[in-house]
Structure formats: C-alpha cells, structure tokens
C-alpha cells in the first residue's frame, strides 16, 4: 500500500477520520464525511460548521473538494473497502 505524505501524523489521522466517520445527523446522516456532496458543505461553510471535531473534519473536506484533492482519500477508501469486504 502506498503511503500518503501529509506532512504530519495528525493530518494523516484526519484523512483517515474523513473516510471512516459517518455524519451523525442531518440530511446526510449515516454518510461518510468524505462522501457528503459539495453543495452541502458549501451550505455549512456559509452557515458555520459545527463546533468540535465534526466541524473541523467538515471544513477540511470542504477545502479538499474546493481544491480538487479528493484523490488523496482514494487509497484510504480502498483500505476501508478491503477491511469490510466491499
């Protein structure tokens, strides 16, 4: 498996969380944070992201989508899929 160079362990941990954490409420409840549509994250950006870890992850996903960096999550998603037999 190819390692992602994110410049720091905490950054890598956040990318792993984006792929494995599910939205706990709202229109996209149950969706992985990394799969939430961009328009929903834009709406939250304008409204204000939630406080705490969830808000930080949603803001990070917004920035990833804004800058076209979704490819960074692909190897992590593949690892998740293999772990769950999907």
Protein backbone atom coordinates (compact mmCIF):
# COMPACT_ATOMS: atom_id res chain seq x y z
CA UNK A 1 0.00 0.00 0.00
CA UNK A 2 1.23 3.47 -0.89
CA UNK A 3 1.73 5.90 1.99
CA UNK A 4 0.21 9.37 1.78
CA UNK A 5 2.66 12.10 2.69
CA UNK A 6 0.53 14.64 4.52
CA UNK A 7 3.36 16.36 6.33
CA UNK A 8 2.29 15.15 9.75
CA UNK A 9 0.73 12.29 11.64
CA UNK A 10 -2.27 14.31 12.83
CA UNK A 11 -3.07 15.31 9.22
CA UNK A 12 -3.00 11.68 8.17
CA UNK A 13 -5.25 10.78 11.10
CA UNK A 14 -7.73 13.43 9.97
CA UNK A 15 -7.80 11.98 6.45
CA UNK A 16 -8.47 8.54 7.91
CA UNK A 17 -11.27 10.03 10.03
CA UNK A 18 -12.82 11.68 6.94
CA UNK A 19 -13.08 8.27 5.31
CA UNK A 20 -14.33 6.35 8.35
CA UNK A 21 -16.53 8.80 10.29
CA UNK A 22 -20.21 8.99 9.44
CA UNK A 23 -22.34 12.11 9.63
CA UNK A 24 -24.30 11.80 12.91
CA UNK A 25 -27.33 13.93 11.92
CA UNK A 26 -28.99 16.00 9.23
CA UNK A 27 -29.86 15.39 5.62
CA UNK A 28 -26.81 13.17 5.09
CA UNK A 29 -26.98 11.27 8.38
CA UNK A 30 -25.10 7.98 8.04
CA UNK A 31 -22.98 9.12 5.08
CA UNK A 32 -19.21 9.06 5.39
CA UNK A 33 -17.91 12.62 5.78
CA UNK A 34 -15.78 12.15 2.66
CA UNK A 35 -18.90 11.33 0.60
CA UNK A 36 -21.02 14.32 1.60
CA UNK A 37 -21.86 16.37 -1.52
CA UNK A 38 -20.02 19.61 -2.06
CA UNK A 39 -23.20 21.73 -2.11
CA UNK A 40 -24.00 20.60 1.45
CA UNK A 41 -20.52 21.53 2.67
CA UNK A 42 -20.80 24.92 0.91
CA UNK A 43 -24.09 25.47 2.74
CA UNK A 44 -22.39 24.65 6.06
CA UNK A 45 -19.47 26.91 5.18
CA UNK A 46 -21.92 29.80 4.80
CA UNK A 47 -23.96 28.83 7.87
CA UNK A 48 -20.98 27.91 10.03
CA UNK A 49 -19.55 24.46 10.59
CA UNK A 50 -20.45 22.69 13.84
CA UNK A 51 -18.11 23.12 16.79
CA UNK A 52 -15.54 20.47 17.63
CA UNK A 53 -14.02 17.61 15.68
CA UNK A 54 -17.00 17.12 13.34
CA UNK A 55 -16.89 20.75 12.23
CA UNK A 56 -13.13 20.60 11.71
CA UNK A 57 -13.49 17.49 9.56
CA UNK A 58 -16.32 19.01 7.53
CA UNK A 59 -14.25 22.16 6.97
CA UNK A 60 -11.31 20.01 5.90
CA UNK A 61 -13.50 18.08 3.47
CA UNK A 62 -14.78 21.38 2.09
CA UNK A 63 -11.19 22.50 1.44
CA UNK A 64 -10.28 19.15 -0.11
CA UNK A 65 -13.23 19.36 -2.51
CA UNK A 66 -12.65 23.05 -3.24
CA UNK A 67 -9.06 22.33 -4.26
CA UNK A 68 -9.76 19.09 -6.14
CA UNK A 69 -7.75 16.94 -3.73
CA UNK A 70 -10.22 14.07 -3.37
CA UNK A 71 -7.58 11.73 -4.86
CA UNK A 72 -5.78 11.92 -1.50
CA UNK A 73 -8.62 9.92 0.05
CA UNK A 74 -8.75 7.17 -2.59
CA UNK A 75 -6.07 4.88 -1.06
CA UNK A 76 -7.68 5.22 2.37
CA UNK A 77 -11.14 4.43 0.95
CA UNK A 78 -9.71 1.35 -0.76
CA UNK A 79 -8.28 0.17 2.56
CA UNK A 80 -11.70 0.67 4.19
CA UNK A 81 -13.41 -1.29 1.41
CA UNK A 82 -10.95 -4.20 1.75
CA UNK A 83 -11.39 -4.22 5.53
CA UNK A 84 -15.15 -4.53 5.22
CA UNK A 85 -15.12 -6.86 2.24
CA UNK A 86 -16.80 -4.40 -0.14
